[in-house]
Each structure stands twice: as structure tokens, then as C-alpha cells.
Amino acid sequence: MKFSIISVLLSLLTLFLSIKANLDILNDYLSADGKTQALFGFTELKYSSKYYFLIILLISLLLIRFAFKNKELYKFRYSAIFVLIVGGISIVVDFWKWFI
């Protein structure tokens, strides 16, 4: 049960870090003037380090594999997979654009 719990915690950490990064991007966009907003793709490049959070998700995926190998409780295994998928989607999708 320890592998799946650690995996869930790592995935939640990634999810929260991704949410914080997207909120920082949104705040920068809202504080920019019109010309900067038009070319905000270049400004957004300074936040490309959010893709390093995928490394944490890969570690979490490895721990989920160990959880399946050790036949831990299925509720914990599948909740770890669900949180991993949501964390991965939150990194790849730029949901800060939904709030403009």
C-alpha cells in the first residue's frame, strides 16, 4: 500500500505545482498591456520549466507499476492512476487561457 500512497502524493504535488504555474502565467497575462498580450507566446516561454513536472509523474508511474506488482489494494492503485492522469493533463493543457 505504500507505493500507491506515495504515488498519489507525488501526483498531487505535480497537480498543485501545475496549477500554481498556470495561475502565474494568467497573472502575467492580465498585467500585460495590449502589445505584450498579442505576443504573449514569447513571454510564456519563460514558464516552459513546468514541463519538468513530467519527471515527477514518471516516478509516480514507476511507483504505480510496483504497486500493481505487489498487488496492493485496487482502490489505491486506481486512484493513483486517476490522479496521475489528471496531473499529466494539467501540465499539458494550458487551462489559464480559459479564464481570459
PDB file of N, CA and C in Angstrom:
ATOM      1  N   MET A   1       0.819  -1.192   0.000  1.00  0.00           N
ATOM      2  CA  MET A   1       0.000   0.000   0.000  1.00  0.00           C
ATOM      3  C   MET A   1       0.861   1.253   0.000  1.00  0.00           C
ATOM      4  N   LYS A   2       2.104   1.110   0.364  1.00  0.00           N
ATOM      5  CA  LYS A   2       2.957   2.290   0.454  1.00  0.00           C
ATOM      6  C   LYS A   2       3.304   2.865  -0.918  1.00  0.00           C
ATOM      7  N   PHE A   3       3.447   2.010  -1.935  1.00  0.00           N
ATOM      8  CA  PHE A   3       3.803   2.522  -3.254  1.00  0.00           C
ATOM      9  C   PHE A   3       2.684   3.375  -3.838  1.00  0.00           C
ATOM     10  N   SER A   4       1.456   2.926  -3.697  1.00  0.00           N
ATOM     11  CA  SER A   4       0.345   3.674  -4.275  1.00  0.00           C
ATOM     12  C   SER A   4       0.093   4.979  -3.522  1.00  0.00           C
ATOM     13  N   ILE A   5       0.288   4.995  -2.222  1.00  0.00           N
ATOM     14  CA  ILE A   5       0.097   6.233  -1.457  1.00  0.00           C
ATOM     15  C   ILE A   5       1.165   7.261  -1.826  1.00  0.00           C
ATOM     16  N   ILE A   6       2.398   6.808  -1.945  1.00  0.00           N
ATOM     17  CA  ILE A   6       3.474   7.726  -2.354  1.00  0.00           C
ATOM     18  C   ILE A   6       3.216   8.241  -3.764  1.00  0.00           C
ATOM     19  N   SER A   7       2.715   7.373  -4.632  1.00  0.00           N
ATOM     20  CA  SER A   7       2.396   7.775  -5.997  1.00  0.00           C
ATOM     21  C   SER A   7       1.295   8.829  -6.019  1.00  0.00           C
ATOM     22  N   VAL A   8       0.270   8.649  -5.213  1.00  0.00           N
ATOM     23  CA  VAL A   8      -0.807   9.633  -5.143  1.00  0.00           C
ATOM     24  C   VAL A   8      -0.270  10.972  -4.638  1.00  0.00           C
ATOM     25  N   LEU A   9       0.579  10.935  -3.631  1.00  0.00           N
ATOM     26  CA  LEU A   9       1.143  12.179  -3.097  1.00  0.00           C
ATOM     27  C   LEU A   9       2.012  12.901  -4.124  1.00  0.00           C
ATOM     28  N   LEU A  10       2.817  12.152  -4.868  1.00  0.00           N
ATOM     29  CA  LEU A  10       3.639  12.768  -5.915  1.00  0.00           C
ATOM     30  C   LEU A  10       2.778  13.351  -7.028  1.00  0.00           C
ATOM     31  N   SER A  11       1.728  12.649  -7.394  1.00  0.00           N
ATOM     32  CA  SER A  11       0.839  13.147  -8.446  1.00  0.00           C
ATOM     33  C   SER A  11       0.092  14.395  -7.983  1.00  0.00           C
ATOM     34  N   LEU A  12      -0.330  14.413  -6.726  1.00  0.00           N
ATOM     35  CA  LEU A  12      -0.989  15.608  -6.193  1.00  0.00           C
ATOM     36  C   LEU A  12      -0.028  16.789  -6.127  1.00  0.00           C
ATOM     37  N   LEU A  13       1.223  16.515  -5.778  1.00  0.00           N
ATOM     38  CA  LEU A  13       2.230  17.582  -5.773  1.00  0.00           C
ATOM     39  C   LEU A  13       2.387  18.169  -7.164  1.00  0.00           C
ATOM     40  N   THR A  14       2.450  17.309  -8.166  1.00  0.00           N
ATOM     41  CA  THR A  14       2.560  17.767  -9.542  1.00  0.00           C
ATOM     42  C   THR A  14       1.337  18.567  -9.956  1.00  0.00           C
ATOM     43  N   LEU A  15       0.172  18.116  -9.556  1.00  0.00           N
ATOM     44  CA  LEU A  15      -1.061  18.823  -9.878  1.00  0.00           C
ATOM     45  C   LEU A  15      -1.070  20.222  -9.276  1.00  0.00           C
ATOM     46  N   PHE A  16      -0.695  20.339  -8.015  1.00  0.00           N
ATOM     47  CA  PHE A  16      -0.674  21.650  -7.364  1.00  0.00           C
ATOM     48  C   PHE A  16       0.393  22.570  -7.955  1.00  0.00           C
ATOM     49  N   LEU A  17       1.555  22.024  -8.288  1.00  0.00           N
ATOM     50  CA  LEU A  17       2.598  22.840  -8.915  1.00  0.00           C
ATOM     51  C   LEU A  17       2.163  23.321 -10.295  1.00  0.00           C
ATOM     52  N   SER A  18       1.480  22.479 -11.031  1.00  0.00           N
ATOM     53  CA  SER A  18       0.985  22.866 -12.347  1.00  0.00           C
ATOM     54  C   SER A  18      -0.086  23.948 -12.242  1.00  0.00           C
ATOM     55  N   ILE A  19      -0.966  23.829 -11.265  1.00  0.00           N
ATOM     56  CA  ILE A  19      -1.990  24.854 -11.059  1.00  0.00           C
ATOM     57  C   ILE A  19      -1.340  26.185 -10.707  1.00  0.00           C
ATOM     58  N   LYS A  20      -0.318  26.151  -9.853  1.00  0.00           N
ATOM     59  CA  LYS A  20       0.376  27.381  -9.479  1.00  0.00           C
ATOM     60  C   LYS A  20       1.066  28.016 -10.686  1.00  0.00           C
ATOM     61  N   ALA A  21       1.706  27.199 -11.517  1.00  0.00           N
ATOM     62  CA  ALA A  21       2.374  27.728 -12.711  1.00  0.00           C
ATOM     63  C   ALA A  21       1.365  28.358 -13.660  1.00  0.00           C
ATOM     64  N   ASN A  22       0.210  27.715 -13.852  1.00  0.00           N
ATOM     65  CA  ASN A  22      -0.804  28.275 -14.735  1.00  0.00           C
ATOM     66  C   ASN A  22      -1.402  29.557 -14.174  1.00  0.00           C
ATOM     67  N   LEU A  23      -1.560  29.634 -12.868  1.00  0.00           N
ATOM     68  CA  LEU A  23      -2.048  30.876 -12.272  1.00  0.00           C
ATOM     69  C   LEU A  23      -1.023  32.005 -12.405  1.00  0.00           C
ATOM     70  N   ASP A  24       0.264  31.684 -12.308  1.00  0.00           N
ATOM     71  CA  ASP A  24       1.305  32.698 -12.519  1.00  0.00           C
ATOM     72  C   ASP A  24       1.282  33.210 -13.957  1.00  0.00           C
ATOM     73  N   ILE A  25       1.095  32.311 -14.904  1.00  0.00           N
ATOM     74  CA  ILE A  25       1.003  32.725 -16.308  1.00  0.00           C
ATOM     75  C   ILE A  25      -0.214  33.620 -16.517  1.00  0.00           C
ATOM     76  N   LEU A  26      -1.337  33.255 -15.913  1.00  0.00           N
ATOM     77  CA  LEU A  26      -2.550  34.063 -16.035  1.00  0.00           C
ATOM     78  C   LEU A  26      -2.345  35.452 -15.441  1.00  0.00           C
ATOM     79  N   ASN A  27      -1.706  35.540 -14.293  1.00  0.00           N
ATOM     80  CA  ASN A  27      -1.455  36.848 -13.682  1.00  0.00           C
ATOM     81  C   ASN A  27      -0.534  37.704 -14.538  1.00  0.00           C
ATOM     82  N   ASP A  28       0.483  37.081 -15.138  1.00  0.00           N
ATOM     83  CA  ASP A  28       1.361  37.833 -16.037  1.00  0.00           C
ATOM     84  C   ASP A  28       0.603  38.327 -17.266  1.00  0.00           C
ATOM     85  N   TYR A  29      -0.280  37.505 -17.794  1.00  0.00           N
ATOM     86  CA  TYR A  29      -1.051  37.905 -18.969  1.00  0.00           C
ATOM     87  C   TYR A  29      -1.988  39.061 -18.645  1.00  0.00           C
ATOM     88  N   LEU A  30      -2.650  38.978 -17.511  1.00  0.00           N
ATOM     89  CA  LEU A  30      -3.609  40.027 -17.149  1.00  0.00           C
ATOM     90  C   LEU A  30      -2.925  41.339 -16.795  1.00  0.00           C
ATOM     91  N   SER A  31      -1.681  41.287 -16.348  1.00  0.00           N
ATOM     92  CA  SER A  31      -0.968  42.519 -16.007  1.00  0.00           C
ATOM     93  C   SER A  31      -0.219  43.110 -17.204  1.00  0.00           C
ATOM     94  N   ALA A  32      -0.223  42.431 -18.329  1.00  0.00           N
ATOM     95  CA  ALA A  32       0.482  42.928 -19.516  1.00  0.00           C
ATOM     96  C   ALA A  32      -0.414  43.885 -20.296  1.00  0.00           C
ATOM     97  N   ASP A  33       0.234  44.759 -21.091  1.00  0.00           N
ATOM     98  CA  ASP A  33      -0.534  45.676 -21.932  1.00  0.00           C
ATOM     99  C   ASP A  33      -0.917  44.973 -23.242  1.00  0.00           C
ATOM    100  N   GLY A  34      -1.559  45.678 -24.137  1.00  0.00           N
ATOM    101  CA  GLY A  34      -2.113  45.088 -25.351  1.00  0.00           C
ATOM    102  C   GLY A  34      -1.087  44.469 -26.277  1.00  0.00           C
ATOM    103  N   LYS A  35       0.040  45.170 -26.497  1.00  0.00           N
ATOM    104  CA  LYS A  35       1.058  44.630 -27.400  1.00  0.00           C
ATOM    105  C   LYS A  35       1.694  43.375 -26.812  1.00  0.00           C
ATOM    106  N   THR A  36       1.932  43.392 -25.537  1.00  0.00           N
ATOM    107  CA  THR A  36       2.528  42.228 -24.900  1.00  0.00           C
ATOM    108  C   THR A  36       1.555  41.059 -24.880  1.00  0.00           C
ATOM    109  N   GLN A  37       0.272  41.339 -24.721  1.00  0.00           N
ATOM    110  CA  GLN A  37      -0.718  40.267 -24.765  1.00  0.00           C
ATOM    111  C   GLN A  37      -0.811  39.647 -26.154  1.00  0.00           C
ATOM    112  N   ALA A  38      -0.605  40.467 -27.173  1.00  0.00           N
ATOM    113  CA  ALA A  38      -0.674  39.948 -28.538  1.00  0.00           C
ATOM    114  C   ALA A  38       0.479  38.982 -28.819  1.00  0.00           C
ATOM    115  N   LEU A  39       1.629  39.243 -28.237  1.00  0.00           N
ATOM    116  CA  LEU A  39       2.798  38.393 -28.440  1.00  0.00           C
ATOM    117  C   LEU A  39       3.131  37.613 -27.170  1.00  0.00           C
ATOM    118  N   PHE A  40       2.111  37.193 -26.439  1.00  0.00           N
ATOM    119  CA  PHE A  40       2.344  36.565 -25.148  1.00  0.00           C
ATOM    120  C   PHE A  40       2.967  35.182 -25.268  1.00  0.00           C
ATOM    121  N   GLY A  41       2.923  34.582 -26.428  1.00  0.00           N
ATOM    122  CA  GLY A  41       3.565  33.280 -26.622  1.00  0.00           C
ATOM    123  C   GLY A  41       5.052  33.326 -26.345  1.00  0.00           C
ATOM    124  N   PHE A  42       5.685  34.457 -26.683  1.00  0.00           N
ATOM    125  CA  PHE A  42       7.107  34.595 -26.389  1.00  0.00           C
ATOM    126  C   PHE A  42       7.354  34.778 -24.899  1.00  0.00           C
ATOM    127  N   THR A  43       6.467  35.489 -24.241  1.00  0.00           N
ATOM    128  CA  THR A  43       6.601  35.690 -22.797  1.00  0.00           C
ATOM    129  C   THR A  43       6.327  34.390 -22.056  1.00  0.00           C
ATOM    130  N   GLU A  44       5.455  33.578 -22.599  1.00  0.00           N
ATOM    131  CA  GLU A  44       5.104  32.316 -21.947  1.00  0.00           C
ATOM    132  C   GLU A  44       6.251  31.306 -21.973  1.00  0.00           C
ATOM    133  N   LEU A  45       7.231  31.523 -22.811  1.00  0.00           N
ATOM    134  CA  LEU A  45       8.354  30.594 -22.896  1.00  0.00           C
ATOM    135  C   LEU A  45       9.159  30.532 -21.602  1.00  0.00           C
ATOM    136  N   LYS A  46       9.107  31.589 -20.801  1.00  0.00           N
ATOM    137  CA  LYS A  46       9.849  31.549 -19.535  1.00  0.00           C
ATOM    138  C   LYS A  46       9.213  30.580 -18.540  1.00  0.00           C
ATOM    139  N   TYR A  47       7.992  30.121 -18.818  1.00  0.00           N
ATOM    140  CA  TYR A  47       7.325  29.148 -17.965  1.00  0.00           C
ATOM    141  C   TYR A  47       7.404  27.733 -18.546  1.00  0.00           C
ATOM    142  N   SER A  48       8.288  27.511 -19.475  1.00  0.00           N
ATOM    143  CA  SER A  48       8.392  26.175 -20.062  1.00  0.00           C
ATOM    144  C   SER A  48       9.006  25.170 -19.088  1.00  0.00           C
ATOM    145  N   SER A  49       9.471  25.644 -17.961  1.00  0.00           N
ATOM    146  CA  SER A  49      10.011  24.719 -16.965  1.00  0.00           C
ATOM    147  C   SER A  49       8.917  23.889 -16.305  1.00  0.00           C
ATOM    148  N   LYS A  50       7.660  24.223 -16.538  1.00  0.00           N
ATOM    149  CA  LYS A  50       6.574  23.421 -15.962  1.00  0.00           C
ATOM    150  C   LYS A  50       6.543  22.019 -16.558  1.00  0.00           C
ATOM    151  N   TYR A  51       7.162  21.829 -17.701  1.00  0.00           N
ATOM    152  CA  TYR A  51       7.208  20.503 -18.298  1.00  0.00           C
ATOM    153  C   TYR A  51       8.176  19.575 -17.568  1.00  0.00           C
ATOM    154  N   TYR A  52       9.021  20.127 -16.706  1.00  0.00           N
ATOM    155  CA  TYR A  52       9.879  19.292 -15.873  1.00  0.00           C
ATOM    156  C   TYR A  52       9.072  18.544 -14.812  1.00  0.00           C
ATOM    157  N   PHE A  53       7.851  18.974 -14.568  1.00  0.00           N
ATOM    158  CA  PHE A  53       6.997  18.263 -13.622  1.00  0.00           C
ATOM    159  C   PHE A  53       6.633  16.875 -14.137  1.00  0.00           C
ATOM    160  N   LEU A  54       6.807  16.676 -15.431  1.00  0.00           N
ATOM    161  CA  LEU A  54       6.534  15.350 -16.001  1.00  0.00           C
ATOM    162  C   LEU A  54       7.495  14.303 -15.453  1.00  0.00           C
ATOM    163  N   ILE A  55       8.678  14.723 -15.004  1.00  0.00           N
ATOM    164  CA  ILE A  55       9.630  13.787 -14.398  1.00  0.00           C
ATOM    165  C   ILE A  55       9.048  13.214 -13.114  1.00  0.00           C
ATOM    166  N   ILE A  56       8.386  14.076 -12.337  1.00  0.00           N
ATOM    167  CA  ILE A  56       7.746  13.602 -11.106  1.00  0.00           C
ATOM    168  C   ILE A  56       6.643  12.602 -11.444  1.00  0.00           C
ATOM    169  N   LEU A  57       5.916  12.875 -12.521  1.00  0.00           N
ATOM    170  CA  LEU A  57       4.864  11.944 -12.923  1.00  0.00           C
ATOM    171  C   LEU A  57       5.426  10.610 -13.400  1.00  0.00           C
ATOM    172  N   LEU A  58       6.583  10.631 -14.027  1.00  0.00           N
ATOM    173  CA  LEU A  58       7.204   9.374 -14.447  1.00  0.00           C
ATOM    174  C   LEU A  58       7.626   8.545 -13.233  1.00  0.00           C
ATOM    175  N   ILE A  59       8.126   9.204 -12.204  1.00  0.00           N
ATOM    176  CA  ILE A  59       8.469   8.496 -10.960  1.00  0.00           C
ATOM    177  C   ILE A  59       7.202   7.915 -10.337  1.00  0.00           C
ATOM    178  N   SER A  60       6.132   8.686 -10.370  1.00  0.00           N
ATOM    179  CA  SER A  60       4.856   8.215  -9.848  1.00  0.00           C
ATOM    180  C   SER A  60       4.353   7.016 -10.643  1.00  0.00           C
ATOM    181  N   LEU A  61       4.514   7.047 -11.942  1.00  0.00           N
ATOM    182  CA  LEU A  61       4.107   5.925 -12.784  1.00  0.00           C
ATOM    183  C   LEU A  61       4.915   4.669 -12.450  1.00  0.00           C
ATOM    184  N   LEU A  62       6.189   4.841 -12.179  1.00  0.00           N
ATOM    185  CA  LEU A  62       7.029   3.713 -11.787  1.00  0.00           C
ATOM    186  C   LEU A  62       6.556   3.118 -10.456  1.00  0.00           C
ATOM    187  N   LEU A  63       6.172   3.987  -9.536  1.00  0.00           N
ATOM    188  CA  LEU A  63       5.668   3.500  -8.249  1.00  0.00           C
ATOM    189  C   LEU A  63       4.321   2.779  -8.414  1.00  0.00           C
ATOM    190  N   ILE A  64       3.501   3.238  -9.347  1.00  0.00           N
ATOM    191  CA  ILE A  64       2.240   2.546  -9.616  1.00  0.00           C
ATOM    192  C   ILE A  64       2.515   1.151 -10.174  1.00  0.00           C
ATOM    193  N   ARG A  65       3.537   1.053 -10.975  1.00  0.00           N
ATOM    194  CA  ARG A  65       3.913  -0.262 -11.510  1.00  0.00           C
ATOM    195  C   ARG A  65       4.305  -1.203 -10.376  1.00  0.00           C
ATOM    196  N   PHE A  66       5.072  -0.714  -9.417  1.00  0.00           N
ATOM    197  CA  PHE A  66       5.428  -1.535  -8.260  1.00  0.00           C
ATOM    198  C   PHE A  66       4.193  -1.886  -7.426  1.00  0.00           C
ATOM    199  N   ALA A  67       3.232  -0.968  -7.364  1.00  0.00           N
ATOM    200  CA  ALA A  67       2.001  -1.242  -6.617  1.00  0.00           C
ATOM    201  C   ALA A  67       1.217  -2.374  -7.280  1.00  0.00           C
ATOM    202  N   PHE A  68       1.183  -2.396  -8.608  1.00  0.00           N
ATOM    203  CA  PHE A  68       0.496  -3.486  -9.293  1.00  0.00           C
ATOM    204  C   PHE A  68       1.263  -4.800  -9.138  1.00  0.00           C
ATOM    205  N   LYS A  69       2.571  -4.716  -9.128  1.00  0.00           N
ATOM    206  CA  LYS A  69       3.383  -5.917  -8.980  1.00  0.00           C
ATOM    207  C   LYS A  69       3.199  -6.525  -7.585  1.00  0.00           C
ATOM    208  N   ASN A  70       3.073  -5.669  -6.568  1.00  0.00           N
ATOM    209  CA  ASN A  70       2.896  -6.154  -5.200  1.00  0.00           C
ATOM    210  C   ASN A  70       1.439  -6.416  -4.851  1.00  0.00           C
ATOM    211  N   LYS A  71       0.547  -6.216  -5.796  1.00  0.00           N
ATOM    212  CA  LYS A  71      -0.889  -6.465  -5.639  1.00  0.00           C
ATOM    213  C   LYS A  71      -1.458  -5.730  -4.428  1.00  0.00           C
ATOM    214  N   GLU A  72      -1.219  -4.432  -4.405  1.00  0.00           N
ATOM    215  CA  GLU A  72      -1.782  -3.606  -3.343  1.00  0.00           C
ATOM    216  C   GLU A  72      -3.283  -3.433  -3.572  1.00  0.00           C
ATOM    217  N   LEU A  73      -3.954  -2.809  -2.646  1.00  0.00           N
ATOM    218  CA  LEU A  73      -5.401  -2.637  -2.752  1.00  0.00           C
ATOM    219  C   LEU A  73      -5.756  -1.912  -4.046  1.00  0.00           C
ATOM    220  N   TYR A  74      -6.761  -2.431  -4.733  1.00  0.00           N
ATOM    221  CA  TYR A  74      -7.090  -1.882  -6.049  1.00  0.00           C
ATOM    222  C   TYR A  74      -7.634  -0.467  -5.961  1.00  0.00           C
ATOM    223  N   LYS A  75      -8.260  -0.108  -4.845  1.00  0.00           N
ATOM    224  CA  LYS A  75      -8.774   1.259  -4.709  1.00  0.00           C
ATOM    225  C   LYS A  75      -7.634   2.264  -4.723  1.00  0.00           C
ATOM    226  N   PHE A  76      -6.562   1.955  -4.057  1.00  0.00           N
ATOM    227  CA  PHE A  76      -5.420   2.864  -4.028  1.00  0.00           C
ATOM    228  C   PHE A  76      -4.702   2.901  -5.373  1.00  0.00           C
ATOM    229  N   ARG A  77      -4.602   1.742  -6.011  1.00  0.00           N
ATOM    230  CA  ARG A  77      -3.913   1.704  -7.306  1.00  0.00           C
ATOM    231  C   ARG A  77      -4.648   2.536  -8.344  1.00  0.00           C
ATOM    232  N   TYR A  78      -5.958   2.369  -8.420  1.00  0.00           N
ATOM    233  CA  TYR A  78      -6.718   3.069  -9.448  1.00  0.00           C
ATOM    234  C   TYR A  78      -6.908   4.545  -9.126  1.00  0.00           C
ATOM    235  N   SER A  79      -6.945   4.879  -7.855  1.00  0.00           N
ATOM    236  CA  SER A  79      -6.987   6.306  -7.526  1.00  0.00           C
ATOM    237  C   SER A  79      -5.650   6.966  -7.858  1.00  0.00           C
ATOM    238  N   ALA A  80      -4.551   6.230  -7.691  1.00  0.00           N
ATOM    239  CA  ALA A  80      -3.242   6.760  -8.074  1.00  0.00           C
ATOM    240  C   ALA A  80      -3.165   6.980  -9.578  1.00  0.00           C
ATOM    241  N   ILE A  81      -3.733   6.079 -10.350  1.00  0.00           N
ATOM    242  CA  ILE A  81      -3.745   6.228 -11.810  1.00  0.00           C
ATOM    243  C   ILE A  81      -4.597   7.433 -12.206  1.00  0.00           C
ATOM    244  N   PHE A  82      -5.740   7.609 -11.557  1.00  0.00           N
ATOM    245  CA  PHE A  82      -6.617   8.733 -11.867  1.00  0.00           C
ATOM    246  C   PHE A  82      -5.929  10.068 -11.577  1.00  0.00           C
ATOM    247  N   VAL A  83      -5.301  10.178 -10.426  1.00  0.00           N
ATOM    248  CA  VAL A  83      -4.616  11.429 -10.074  1.00  0.00           C
ATOM    249  C   VAL A  83      -3.422  11.661 -11.003  1.00  0.00           C
ATOM    250  N   LEU A  84      -2.758  10.599 -11.418  1.00  0.00           N
ATOM    251  CA  LEU A  84      -1.646  10.721 -12.363  1.00  0.00           C
ATOM    252  C   LEU A  84      -2.126  11.269 -13.696  1.00  0.00           C
ATOM    253  N   ILE A  85      -3.247  10.781 -14.184  1.00  0.00           N
ATOM    254  CA  ILE A  85      -3.780  11.250 -15.465  1.00  0.00           C
ATOM    255  C   ILE A  85      -4.203  12.717 -15.363  1.00  0.00           C
ATOM    256  N   VAL A  86      -4.880  13.079 -14.283  1.00  0.00           N
ATOM    257  CA  VAL A  86      -5.310  14.472 -14.104  1.00  0.00           C
ATOM    258  C   VAL A  86      -4.092  15.394 -13.990  1.00  0.00           C
ATOM    259  N   GLY A  87      -3.059  14.953 -13.282  1.00  0.00           N
ATOM    260  CA  GLY A  87      -1.842  15.751 -13.174  1.00  0.00           C
ATOM    261  C   GLY A  87      -1.146  15.928 -14.512  1.00  0.00           C
ATOM    262  N   GLY A  88      -1.111  14.879 -15.314  1.00  0.00           N
ATOM    263  CA  GLY A  88      -0.498  14.976 -16.641  1.00  0.00           C
ATOM    264  C   GLY A  88      -1.270  15.896 -17.564  1.00  0.00           C
ATOM    265  N   ILE A  89      -2.589  15.828 -17.497  1.00  0.00           N
ATOM    266  CA  ILE A  89      -3.411  16.713 -18.320  1.00  0.00           C
ATOM    267  C   ILE A  89      -3.226  18.162 -17.901  1.00  0.00           C
ATOM    268  N   SER A  90      -3.100  18.401 -16.589  1.00  0.00           N
ATOM    269  CA  SER A  90      -2.948  19.783 -16.124  1.00  0.00           C
ATOM    270  C   SER A  90      -1.614  20.391 -16.540  1.00  0.00           C
ATOM    271  N   ILE A  91      -0.627  19.559 -16.803  1.00  0.00           N
ATOM    272  CA  ILE A  91       0.655  20.084 -17.274  1.00  0.00           C
ATOM    273  C   ILE A  91       0.578  20.421 -18.761  1.00  0.00           C
ATOM    274  N   VAL A  92      -0.006  19.547 -19.529  1.00  0.00           N
ATOM    275  CA  VAL A  92      -0.006  19.699 -20.983  1.00  0.00           C
ATOM    276  C   VAL A  92      -1.006  20.753 -21.451  1.00  0.00           C
ATOM    277  N   VAL A  93      -2.185  20.787 -20.851  1.00  0.00           N
ATOM    278  CA  VAL A  93      -3.230  21.722 -21.270  1.00  0.00           C
ATOM    279  C   VAL A  93      -3.006  23.066 -20.592  1.00  0.00           C
ATOM    280  N   ASP A  94      -3.038  24.124 -21.369  1.00  0.00           N
ATOM    281  CA  ASP A  94      -2.887  25.477 -20.820  1.00  0.00           C
ATOM    282  C   ASP A  94      -4.249  25.998 -20.402  1.00  0.00           C
ATOM    283  N   PHE A  95      -4.682  25.605 -19.214  1.00  0.00           N
ATOM    284  CA  PHE A  95      -6.022  25.991 -18.796  1.00  0.00           C
ATOM    285  C   PHE A  95      -6.100  27.425 -18.315  1.00  0.00           C
ATOM    286  N   TRP A  96      -4.991  28.139 -18.282  1.00  0.00           N
ATOM    287  CA  TRP A  96      -5.056  29.569 -17.925  1.00  0.00           C
ATOM    288  C   TRP A  96      -5.759  30.350 -19.013  1.00  0.00           C
ATOM    289  N   LYS A  97      -5.789  29.841 -20.223  1.00  0.00           N
ATOM    290  CA  LYS A  97      -6.448  30.527 -21.329  1.00  0.00           C
ATOM    291  C   LYS A  97      -7.962  30.513 -21.190  1.00  0.00           C
ATOM    292  N   TRP A  98      -8.493  29.594 -20.386  1.00  0.00           N
ATOM    293  CA  TRP A  98      -9.931  29.511 -20.195  1.00  0.00           C
ATOM    294  C   TRP A  98     -10.455  30.694 -19.387  1.00  0.00           C
ATOM    295  N   PHE A  99      -9.584  31.371 -18.644  1.00  0.00           N
ATOM    296  CA  PHE A  99     -10.011  32.429 -17.741  1.00  0.00           C
ATOM    297  C   PHE A  99      -9.834  33.835 -18.320  1.00  0.00           C
ATOM    298  N   ILE A 100      -9.491  33.913 -19.579  1.00  0.00           N
ATOM    299  CA  ILE A 100      -9.286  35.216 -20.209  1.00  0.00           C
ATOM    300  C   ILE A 100     -10.618  35.760 -20.657  1.00  0.00           C
TER     301      ILE A 100
END
